[in-house]
Amino acid sequence: MLGLGEKSDFDNVVGIKYMEGTRFRLFPQPYFIENYAEPETVLVSSPAGSLAPGPADHRMYTIFPIGKTQAYGISPDGSDVLAPPWGGVVEPPAMPDADGNFDYLEPGTPQFEAAHLFGTVRFVLDIWEDYFGREIPWQSDKTQDRMELTILPTLENAYSGYGFLEMGADRTDGKYYPFSLNFDVIAHEVGHAIIYSEIGVPDPENVTGEYFGFHESAADLVALISSLHFNSLVDLLLEKTHGNLYMLNAINRIGELSESKQIRIAANDKRLSDFAKGWVKEHHLAQPLTGAFFDILVDIFHEMLLDYGAISSELEDLSDQLLATSDYAPVMQTLFDEAYAANPDLFKRALLDARDILGTYLADTWQDIEKRDLNFVEVADIFIAVDGRHTGGRFERVIRGNFEMRDIGIVEVGPQLEPLDKDSHANSVRTLTPID
């Protein structure tokens, strides 16, 4: 991972820094999206030959249960909490090849799904452990030996809970879209696991809506930044947008579920004032914070383009002036088209720099946050302080401006207006995760 100010290498194999690592094939975006029908080979940090069938290692293991009818969590009658390990029958595990790799497996088998799930979790952990500068423990390490990664096709959701990540599926239009093959969905759940580990769970009787909204935003940001570690995705993103990241594209559509359906869009126009009277869904409450961080990513990207001489200061100023207006797309796209055509390599370098600056800042921010009374203002203040530590406050103006544009620090969030949905991730705070 880059330190601030370092330059990115354009490696053909994702994760090339792990030359002795293990090979997997991952879909950077869901396989049903144009241009992503073929998985990309990645190298993860696990040394080749170190992974057991499953795949499995000393920190986690993957299973595809047979006959499992209920997801982990509260039982339907509310009488019990279903938790790992699964003790029933499972599909035959994914086996490593003679060299210890899993990239020989072909899509369409339970073994490929299991390898894709494990490989994605390991890939995302590699990225964020690099940003954190250390291993990120599982919250369940205190009581369980390993995390269970499990696939449950009958589940119409995906969960990160105490000691498990469980992947279901979407059935839009009567088709079956397994979440075990959806990089964004898996990375989002790993993001929840990171926050559970790093920040913990507040007293369930005093937990705030902003804690839930922060959780969802952080998970979305883990998915967004992790996806930018696929060279094929970055190349295609820039070829399609020419650096105008506000164009609807692969990184601001988070958790795409089908050809026409995604969970959320990072480049949204939501403000905290939309929730001044109260909130119902934590995923919606997350959007102002996620939107602010996406805008910060774009602004840092523009700053890096300026550093490299790839755009003019006039273009950057005009982008700031037209943001959130109807003139942005028709005016800015032409200007980005011209600038990108002149320096496509510098655009890629600037985007990778912005990716790693934001990832580093977020990791530092999450390590400094206190779980008690967590709110968006605290997140913003710590993020600004992190910029001060790294750069002496170089990006403070644009960071503050983006938080203020989302009413963060200006408007207070209202009360929770309806009980949480039974399948809400927030319920894990109250039911699945021990309070520490």
Protein backbone atom coordinates (compact mmCIF):
# COMPACT_ATOMS: atom_id res chain seq x y z
CA MET A 1 0.00 0.00 0.00
CA LEU A 2 1.16 3.50 -0.72
CA GLY A 3 2.39 5.88 1.88
CA LEU A 4 1.26 9.46 1.34
CA GLY A 5 3.13 10.95 -1.56
CA GLU A 6 4.40 7.61 -2.90
CA LYS A 7 3.66 6.58 -6.47
CA SER A 8 1.49 3.65 -7.55
CA ASP A 9 2.68 0.75 -9.70
CA PHE A 10 0.40 -0.46 -12.48
CA ASP A 11 0.73 -4.21 -11.89
CA ASN A 12 -1.04 -6.65 -14.18
CA VAL A 13 -1.85 -9.10 -11.40
CA VAL A 14 -3.72 -7.66 -8.45
CA GLY A 15 -1.77 -8.10 -5.23
CA ILE A 16 1.54 -8.55 -7.06
CA LYS A 17 3.36 -7.47 -3.90
CA TYR A 18 2.62 -10.95 -2.53
CA MET A 19 4.83 -12.79 -5.03
CA GLU A 20 4.78 -15.90 -2.86
CA GLY A 21 1.06 -15.58 -2.18
CA THR A 22 -1.90 -17.72 -3.15
CA ARG A 23 -3.82 -17.23 -6.38
CA PHE A 24 -7.60 -16.85 -6.55
CA ARG A 25 -9.97 -15.68 -9.28
CA LEU A 26 -12.35 -12.93 -8.17
CA PHE A 27 -15.06 -10.95 -9.93
CA PRO A 28 -14.24 -7.23 -9.41
CA GLN A 29 -17.93 -6.53 -10.05
CA PRO A 30 -20.83 -9.00 -10.37
CA TYR A 31 -20.41 -11.39 -13.28
CA PHE A 32 -23.74 -10.37 -14.87
CA ILE A 33 -22.48 -6.81 -15.53
CA GLU A 34 -21.05 -6.06 -18.95
CA ASN A 35 -17.24 -6.29 -19.05
CA TYR A 36 -17.03 -8.32 -15.82
CA ALA A 37 -18.09 -11.77 -16.99
CA GLU A 38 -14.59 -13.17 -16.42
CA PRO A 39 -12.98 -13.24 -12.97
CA GLU A 40 -9.60 -11.61 -12.45
CA THR A 41 -6.60 -13.44 -11.00
CA VAL A 42 -5.41 -12.01 -7.69
CA LEU A 43 -2.62 -12.84 -5.29
CA VAL A 44 -3.42 -12.70 -1.59
CA SER A 45 -0.94 -12.64 1.28
CA SER A 46 -1.40 -16.28 2.33
CA PRO A 47 1.78 -18.08 1.18
CA ALA A 48 1.11 -20.59 -1.58
CA GLY A 49 0.63 -24.00 0.01
CA SER A 50 -0.40 -22.59 3.40
CA LEU A 51 -4.17 -22.84 2.90
CA ALA A 52 -6.10 -25.97 3.77
CA PRO A 53 -9.10 -27.34 1.85
CA GLY A 54 -12.16 -25.20 2.30
CA PRO A 55 -10.35 -22.88 1.76
CA ALA A 56 -9.26 -22.42 5.36
CA ASP A 57 -6.42 -21.05 7.42
CA HIS A 58 -5.71 -20.33 11.08
CA ARG A 59 -8.12 -17.37 11.15
CA MET A 60 -11.12 -18.49 9.10
CA TYR A 61 -12.66 -21.42 7.26
CA THR A 62 -15.21 -21.67 4.45
CA ILE A 63 -18.13 -24.10 4.23
CA PHE A 64 -21.12 -24.61 1.94
CA PRO A 65 -23.65 -26.32 4.25
CA ILE A 66 -26.12 -28.92 3.01
CA GLY A 67 -29.49 -28.92 4.76
CA LYS A 68 -29.00 -25.67 6.69
CA THR A 69 -32.43 -24.03 6.71
CA GLN A 70 -31.94 -21.10 9.06
CA ALA A 71 -29.50 -18.22 9.06
CA TYR A 72 -27.38 -17.55 12.09
CA GLY A 73 -29.10 -15.19 14.47
CA ILE A 74 -32.31 -15.25 16.47
CA SER A 75 -34.46 -18.31 15.76
CA PRO A 76 -37.90 -17.66 14.19
CA ASP A 77 -39.73 -18.14 17.50
CA GLY A 78 -37.24 -15.95 19.35
CA SER A 79 -36.27 -18.75 21.69
CA ASP A 80 -32.62 -19.20 20.77
CA VAL A 81 -29.61 -17.67 19.06
CA LEU A 82 -28.26 -19.81 16.24
CA ALA A 83 -24.48 -19.47 16.06
CA PRO A 84 -21.51 -21.24 14.50
CA PRO A 85 -19.99 -23.71 14.14
CA TRP A 86 -22.23 -25.59 11.74
CA GLY A 87 -22.11 -29.25 12.66
CA GLY A 88 -24.01 -30.72 9.71
CA VAL A 89 -23.14 -31.98 6.25
CA VAL A 90 -21.27 -29.69 3.83
CA GLU A 91 -20.41 -29.70 0.14
CA PRO A 92 -16.95 -31.08 -0.68
CA PRO A 93 -14.43 -28.32 0.06
CA ALA A 94 -12.46 -26.36 -2.51
CA MET A 95 -9.08 -28.05 -2.81
CA PRO A 96 -5.79 -26.28 -3.57
CA ASP A 97 -3.88 -27.41 -6.64
CA ALA A 98 -0.42 -28.93 -6.50
CA ASP A 99 1.12 -25.48 -5.97
CA GLY A 100 -1.37 -24.49 -3.29
CA ASN A 101 -3.47 -22.16 -5.48
CA PHE A 102 -7.22 -21.98 -6.13
CA ASP A 103 -7.27 -20.14 -9.45
CA TYR A 104 -7.90 -23.36 -11.42
CA LEU A 105 -11.50 -23.56 -10.17
CA GLU A 106 -14.25 -22.71 -12.65
CA PRO A 107 -17.42 -20.69 -11.91
CA GLY A 108 -20.60 -22.70 -11.59
CA THR A 109 -19.54 -25.02 -8.78
CA PRO A 110 -19.93 -24.85 -4.99
CA GLN A 111 -16.15 -25.07 -4.75
CA PHE A 112 -15.64 -21.92 -6.85
CA GLU A 113 -18.21 -20.06 -4.71
CA ALA A 114 -16.38 -21.10 -1.53
CA ALA A 115 -12.99 -20.09 -2.94
CA HIS A 116 -14.41 -16.77 -4.18
CA LEU A 117 -15.82 -16.01 -0.74
CA PHE A 118 -12.58 -16.86 1.08
CA GLY A 119 -10.38 -15.14 -1.51
CA THR A 120 -12.44 -11.95 -1.34
CA VAL A 121 -12.34 -11.82 2.46
CA ARG A 122 -8.57 -12.37 2.48
CA PHE A 123 -8.05 -9.82 -0.33
CA VAL A 124 -10.07 -7.15 1.51
CA LEU A 125 -8.28 -7.87 4.79
CA ASP A 126 -4.92 -7.55 3.01
CA ILE A 127 -5.92 -4.10 1.75
CA TRP A 128 -7.16 -2.78 5.07
CA GLU A 129 -4.47 -4.39 7.22
CA ASP A 130 -2.03 -2.52 5.02
CA TYR A 131 -3.90 0.74 5.68
CA PHE A 132 -4.04 -0.03 9.42
CA GLY A 133 -0.41 -1.10 9.47
CA ARG A 134 -1.21 -4.25 11.46
CA GLU A 135 -3.40 -7.34 11.60
CA ILE A 136 -7.09 -6.61 12.19
CA PRO A 137 -8.44 -9.17 14.68
CA TRP A 138 -11.93 -10.61 14.52
CA GLN A 139 -14.10 -9.43 17.37
CA SER A 140 -14.87 -13.10 18.09
CA ASP A 141 -11.19 -13.95 18.60
CA LYS A 142 -11.87 -13.60 22.32
CA THR A 143 -14.07 -16.68 22.41
CA GLN A 144 -13.80 -18.52 19.06
CA ASP A 145 -10.79 -19.99 17.34
CA ARG A 146 -11.77 -19.02 13.78
CA MET A 147 -14.34 -17.09 11.76
CA GLU A 148 -16.82 -19.20 9.81
CA LEU A 149 -17.48 -18.08 6.21
CA THR A 150 -20.67 -19.78 5.15
CA ILE A 151 -22.98 -19.86 2.12
CA LEU A 152 -26.74 -20.17 2.60
CA PRO A 153 -28.59 -19.88 -0.76
CA THR A 154 -32.02 -19.65 0.89
CA LEU A 155 -31.03 -16.48 2.77
CA GLU A 156 -32.04 -13.29 0.95
CA ASN A 157 -29.40 -11.17 2.67
CA ALA A 158 -25.80 -11.24 3.86
CA TYR A 159 -24.64 -10.83 7.45
CA SER A 160 -21.54 -10.15 9.48
CA GLY A 161 -22.02 -11.43 13.01
CA TYR A 162 -20.11 -12.68 15.99
CA GLY A 163 -17.89 -15.44 14.61
CA PHE A 164 -19.35 -15.61 11.10
CA LEU A 165 -19.93 -14.04 7.72
CA GLU A 166 -22.97 -15.61 6.04
CA MET A 167 -23.76 -15.07 2.36
CA GLY A 168 -27.24 -15.53 0.91
CA ALA A 169 -28.48 -14.51 -2.53
CA ASP A 170 -30.67 -12.07 -4.43
CA ARG A 171 -33.51 -13.38 -6.59
CA THR A 172 -34.39 -10.39 -8.70
CA ASP A 173 -36.55 -11.28 -11.72
CA GLY A 174 -36.65 -14.89 -10.57
CA LYS A 175 -32.92 -15.35 -11.17
CA TYR A 176 -30.38 -16.52 -8.60
CA TYR A 177 -27.54 -14.08 -7.84
CA PRO A 178 -25.33 -15.53 -5.07
CA PHE A 179 -23.74 -12.99 -2.78
CA SER A 180 -20.75 -15.31 -2.45
CA LEU A 181 -19.83 -14.13 -5.97
CA ASN A 182 -20.53 -10.43 -5.31
CA PHE A 183 -17.31 -8.66 -4.31
CA ASP A 184 -19.04 -5.51 -3.03
CA VAL A 185 -21.46 -7.41 -0.80
CA ILE A 186 -18.69 -9.53 0.73
CA ALA A 187 -16.40 -6.52 1.20
CA HIS A 188 -19.28 -4.61 2.82
CA GLU A 189 -19.70 -7.39 5.39
CA VAL A 190 -15.96 -7.46 6.05
CA GLY A 191 -16.28 -3.72 6.65
CA HIS A 192 -18.89 -4.38 9.35
CA ALA A 193 -16.53 -6.92 10.91
CA ILE A 194 -13.69 -4.37 10.94
CA ILE A 195 -15.84 -1.80 12.73
CA TYR A 196 -17.10 -4.36 15.26
CA SER A 197 -13.46 -5.21 16.00
CA GLU A 198 -11.99 -1.70 16.01
CA ILE A 199 -14.78 0.29 17.66
CA GLY A 200 -16.91 -2.34 19.32
CA VAL A 201 -20.56 -2.18 20.27
CA PRO A 202 -22.03 0.44 22.58
CA ASP A 203 -24.56 -0.24 25.30
CA PRO A 204 -27.61 -1.46 23.31
CA GLU A 205 -29.93 0.62 25.48
CA ASN A 206 -28.10 3.83 24.61
CA VAL A 207 -26.94 3.22 21.04
CA THR A 208 -27.62 6.11 18.67
CA GLY A 209 -28.93 6.15 15.13
CA GLU A 210 -25.70 7.76 14.03
CA TYR A 211 -23.79 4.71 15.28
CA PHE A 212 -25.90 2.53 12.97
CA GLY A 213 -25.55 5.00 10.08
CA PHE A 214 -21.79 5.21 10.62
CA HIS A 215 -21.55 1.40 10.56
CA GLU A 216 -23.29 1.17 7.19
CA SER A 217 -21.27 4.04 5.76
CA ALA A 218 -17.97 2.51 6.88
CA ALA A 219 -18.92 -0.85 5.37
CA ASP A 220 -19.80 0.84 2.07
CA LEU A 221 -16.49 2.69 2.06
CA VAL A 222 -14.55 -0.53 2.67
CA ALA A 223 -16.26 -2.01 -0.39
CA LEU A 224 -15.73 1.10 -2.52
CA ILE A 225 -12.03 1.51 -1.77
CA SER A 226 -11.33 -2.23 -1.97
CA SER A 227 -12.84 -2.41 -5.46
CA LEU A 228 -10.35 0.23 -6.60
CA HIS A 229 -7.58 -2.34 -6.06
CA PHE A 230 -8.57 -4.17 -9.25
CA ASN A 231 -6.59 -2.79 -12.16
CA SER A 232 -9.20 -3.91 -14.66
CA LEU A 233 -11.90 -2.00 -12.78
CA VAL A 234 -9.78 1.16 -12.47
CA ASP A 235 -8.86 1.03 -16.16
CA LEU A 236 -12.45 0.52 -17.27
CA LEU A 237 -13.70 3.18 -14.86
CA LEU A 238 -11.36 5.77 -16.32
CA GLU A 239 -11.99 4.70 -19.90
CA LYS A 240 -15.73 5.19 -19.39
CA THR A 241 -15.70 8.37 -17.28
CA HIS A 242 -12.44 10.04 -18.35
CA GLY A 243 -12.04 10.99 -14.70
CA ASN A 244 -15.52 12.45 -14.17
CA LEU A 245 -16.25 10.21 -11.19
CA TYR A 246 -19.74 11.62 -10.70
CA MET A 247 -20.85 9.79 -13.80
CA LEU A 248 -22.81 6.68 -12.70
CA ASN A 249 -20.09 4.03 -12.59
CA ALA A 250 -18.77 0.93 -10.93
CA ILE A 251 -17.39 2.55 -7.79
CA ASN A 252 -20.36 4.68 -6.82
CA ARG A 253 -22.85 1.86 -7.36
CA ILE A 254 -22.30 -0.13 -4.18
CA GLY A 255 -23.45 -3.73 -3.88
CA GLU A 256 -24.92 -4.20 -7.35
CA LEU A 257 -27.44 -7.02 -7.15
CA SER A 258 -28.63 -7.40 -10.73
CA GLU A 259 -28.34 -5.68 -14.09
CA SER A 260 -30.67 -2.92 -12.92
CA LYS A 261 -30.51 -2.97 -9.13
CA GLN A 262 -27.96 -1.86 -6.56
CA ILE A 263 -28.09 -1.31 -2.84
CA ARG A 264 -26.84 2.29 -2.64
CA ILE A 265 -25.08 4.99 -4.65
CA ALA A 266 -22.10 6.72 -3.06
CA ALA A 267 -22.43 9.85 -5.21
CA ASN A 268 -25.76 10.78 -3.66
CA ASP A 269 -27.29 14.13 -2.72
CA LYS A 270 -28.55 13.22 0.77
CA ARG A 271 -28.08 15.66 3.66
CA LEU A 272 -28.54 15.25 7.39
CA SER A 273 -31.37 17.78 7.18
CA ASP A 274 -33.32 15.00 5.42
CA PHE A 275 -33.27 13.19 8.77
CA ALA A 276 -33.83 16.10 11.15
CA LYS A 277 -37.31 14.80 11.99
CA GLY A 278 -36.09 11.23 12.41
CA TRP A 279 -34.95 8.12 10.58
CA VAL A 280 -36.23 4.64 9.79
CA LYS A 281 -33.50 2.74 7.94
CA GLU A 282 -29.87 2.99 8.97
CA HIS A 283 -28.79 2.38 5.36
CA HIS A 284 -30.50 5.64 4.37
CA LEU A 285 -29.09 7.51 7.36
CA ALA A 286 -25.61 6.44 6.24
CA GLN A 287 -25.87 8.16 2.87
CA PRO A 288 -24.95 11.73 3.89
CA LEU A 289 -21.73 10.47 5.49
CA THR A 290 -20.90 8.15 2.59
CA GLY A 291 -21.66 10.94 0.14
CA ALA A 292 -19.35 13.32 1.98
CA PHE A 293 -16.49 10.83 1.85
CA PHE A 294 -17.10 10.12 -1.84
CA ASP A 295 -16.93 13.86 -2.53
CA ILE A 296 -13.71 14.02 -0.49
CA LEU A 297 -12.28 11.19 -2.63
CA VAL A 298 -13.13 13.14 -5.77
CA ASP A 299 -11.62 16.36 -4.41
CA ILE A 300 -8.39 14.64 -3.39
CA PHE A 301 -8.31 13.04 -6.86
CA HIS A 302 -8.56 16.52 -8.37
CA GLU A 303 -5.77 17.76 -6.10
CA MET A 304 -3.55 14.91 -7.25
CA LEU A 305 -4.39 15.70 -10.89
CA LEU A 306 -3.32 19.28 -10.23
CA ASP A 307 -0.07 18.05 -8.66
CA TYR A 308 0.68 16.01 -11.79
CA GLY A 309 -0.29 18.83 -14.13
CA ALA A 310 -3.05 16.71 -15.66
CA ILE A 311 -5.77 19.36 -15.15
CA SER A 312 -5.76 23.11 -14.74
CA SER A 313 -6.73 24.97 -11.61
CA GLU A 314 -9.52 26.56 -13.65
CA LEU A 315 -11.02 23.14 -14.37
CA GLU A 316 -10.89 22.19 -10.69
CA ASP A 317 -12.48 25.48 -9.62
CA LEU A 318 -15.25 25.09 -12.18
CA SER A 319 -15.93 21.55 -10.94
CA ASP A 320 -16.38 22.88 -7.40
CA GLN A 321 -18.68 25.68 -8.59
CA LEU A 322 -20.93 23.45 -10.68
CA LEU A 323 -21.13 20.53 -8.25
CA ALA A 324 -24.74 19.53 -7.52
CA THR A 325 -26.07 21.70 -10.35
CA SER A 326 -27.70 20.63 -13.62
CA ASP A 327 -24.81 22.19 -15.55
CA TYR A 328 -22.18 19.85 -14.10
CA ALA A 329 -22.53 16.91 -16.47
CA PRO A 330 -22.74 18.72 -19.83
CA VAL A 331 -19.98 21.22 -19.03
CA MET A 332 -17.52 19.11 -17.07
CA GLN A 333 -17.64 15.96 -19.17
CA THR A 334 -16.25 17.74 -22.22
CA LEU A 335 -13.43 19.26 -20.17
CA PHE A 336 -12.56 15.91 -18.56
CA ASP A 337 -12.63 14.22 -21.98
CA GLU A 338 -9.98 16.61 -23.25
CA ALA A 339 -7.76 16.42 -20.17
CA TYR A 340 -7.91 12.62 -19.95
CA ALA A 341 -7.06 12.16 -23.62
CA ALA A 342 -3.86 14.12 -23.07
CA ASN A 343 -2.67 12.25 -19.91
CA PRO A 344 -4.51 8.95 -19.21
CA ASP A 345 -1.61 7.50 -17.17
CA LEU A 346 -1.52 10.53 -14.89
CA PHE A 347 -5.26 10.18 -14.29
CA LYS A 348 -4.74 6.60 -13.15
CA ARG A 349 -1.84 7.53 -10.92
CA ALA A 350 -3.87 10.35 -9.34
CA LEU A 351 -6.86 8.08 -8.71
CA LEU A 352 -4.72 5.44 -7.00
CA ASP A 353 -3.11 8.13 -4.87
CA ALA A 354 -6.54 9.45 -3.83
CA ARG A 355 -7.71 5.92 -3.07
CA ASP A 356 -4.80 5.27 -0.73
CA ILE A 357 -4.98 8.66 0.97
CA LEU A 358 -8.66 8.14 1.77
CA GLY A 359 -8.07 4.53 2.87
CA THR A 360 -5.22 5.57 5.17
CA TYR A 361 -7.22 8.44 6.65
CA LEU A 362 -10.24 6.23 7.29
CA ALA A 363 -8.14 3.55 9.00
CA ASP A 364 -6.58 6.18 11.25
CA THR A 365 -9.98 7.72 11.97
CA TRP A 366 -11.60 4.42 12.92
CA GLN A 367 -8.76 3.65 15.32
CA ASP A 368 -9.35 6.96 17.14
CA ILE A 369 -13.14 6.85 17.44
CA GLU A 370 -14.76 6.07 20.78
CA LYS A 371 -17.87 3.89 20.64
CA ARG A 372 -19.72 5.85 23.32
CA ASP A 373 -22.02 8.52 21.92
CA LEU A 374 -20.56 8.07 18.42
CA ASN A 375 -21.90 10.68 16.01
CA PHE A 376 -21.11 12.03 12.55
CA VAL A 377 -19.58 15.23 13.94
CA GLU A 378 -17.02 13.22 15.90
CA VAL A 379 -16.16 11.23 12.78
CA ALA A 380 -15.69 14.45 10.80
CA ASP A 381 -13.56 16.10 13.49
CA ILE A 382 -11.25 13.10 13.83
CA PHE A 383 -10.92 12.79 10.05
CA ILE A 384 -9.86 16.45 9.85
CA ALA A 385 -7.35 15.89 12.66
CA VAL A 386 -5.92 12.89 10.78
CA ASP A 387 -5.35 15.11 7.73
CA GLY A 388 -3.53 17.53 10.02
CA ARG A 389 -1.21 14.76 11.24
CA HIS A 390 -0.42 13.53 7.73
CA THR A 391 -0.20 16.73 5.70
CA GLY A 392 -0.44 19.64 8.10
CA GLY A 393 -4.01 20.18 6.98
CA ARG A 394 -3.54 20.33 3.21
CA PHE A 395 -7.04 19.01 2.51
CA GLU A 396 -8.82 20.60 5.47
CA ARG A 397 -10.71 23.16 3.41
CA VAL A 398 -12.25 20.63 1.01
CA ILE A 399 -12.90 18.14 3.82
CA ARG A 400 -14.75 20.71 5.92
CA GLY A 401 -16.64 21.96 2.91
CA ASN A 402 -17.91 18.51 2.03
CA PHE A 403 -19.03 17.72 5.57
CA GLU A 404 -20.80 21.08 5.81
CA MET A 405 -22.49 20.55 2.43
CA ARG A 406 -24.05 17.41 3.97
CA ASP A 407 -25.17 19.38 7.07
CA ILE A 408 -22.78 17.39 9.26
CA GLY A 409 -22.10 19.57 12.30
CA ILE A 410 -25.05 21.78 11.39
CA VAL A 411 -28.14 19.59 11.77
CA GLU A 412 -28.87 17.01 14.47
CA VAL A 413 -30.37 13.67 13.52
CA GLY A 414 -33.90 13.10 14.81
CA PRO A 415 -35.15 10.04 16.70
CA GLN A 416 -35.70 6.54 15.38
CA LEU A 417 -39.26 6.57 14.01
CA GLU A 418 -39.92 2.87 13.50
CA PRO A 419 -38.51 -0.38 14.93
CA LEU A 420 -35.63 -1.89 13.00
CA ASP A 421 -36.47 -4.42 10.33
CA LYS A 422 -35.99 -7.99 11.49
CA ASP A 423 -33.21 -8.41 8.92
CA SER A 424 -31.44 -5.16 9.76
CA HIS A 425 -27.69 -5.36 10.35
CA ALA A 426 -28.27 -3.11 13.35
CA ASN A 427 -30.07 -5.93 15.12
CA SER A 428 -26.70 -7.66 15.47
CA VAL A 429 -25.77 -4.99 17.99
CA ARG A 430 -28.61 -6.13 20.18
CA THR A 431 -28.73 -9.86 19.52
CA LEU A 432 -25.66 -11.40 17.92
CA THR A 433 -22.71 -9.52 19.30
CA PRO A 434 -21.65 -9.69 22.96
CA ILE A 435 -21.25 -6.34 24.64
CA ASP A 436 -17.67 -5.73 25.70
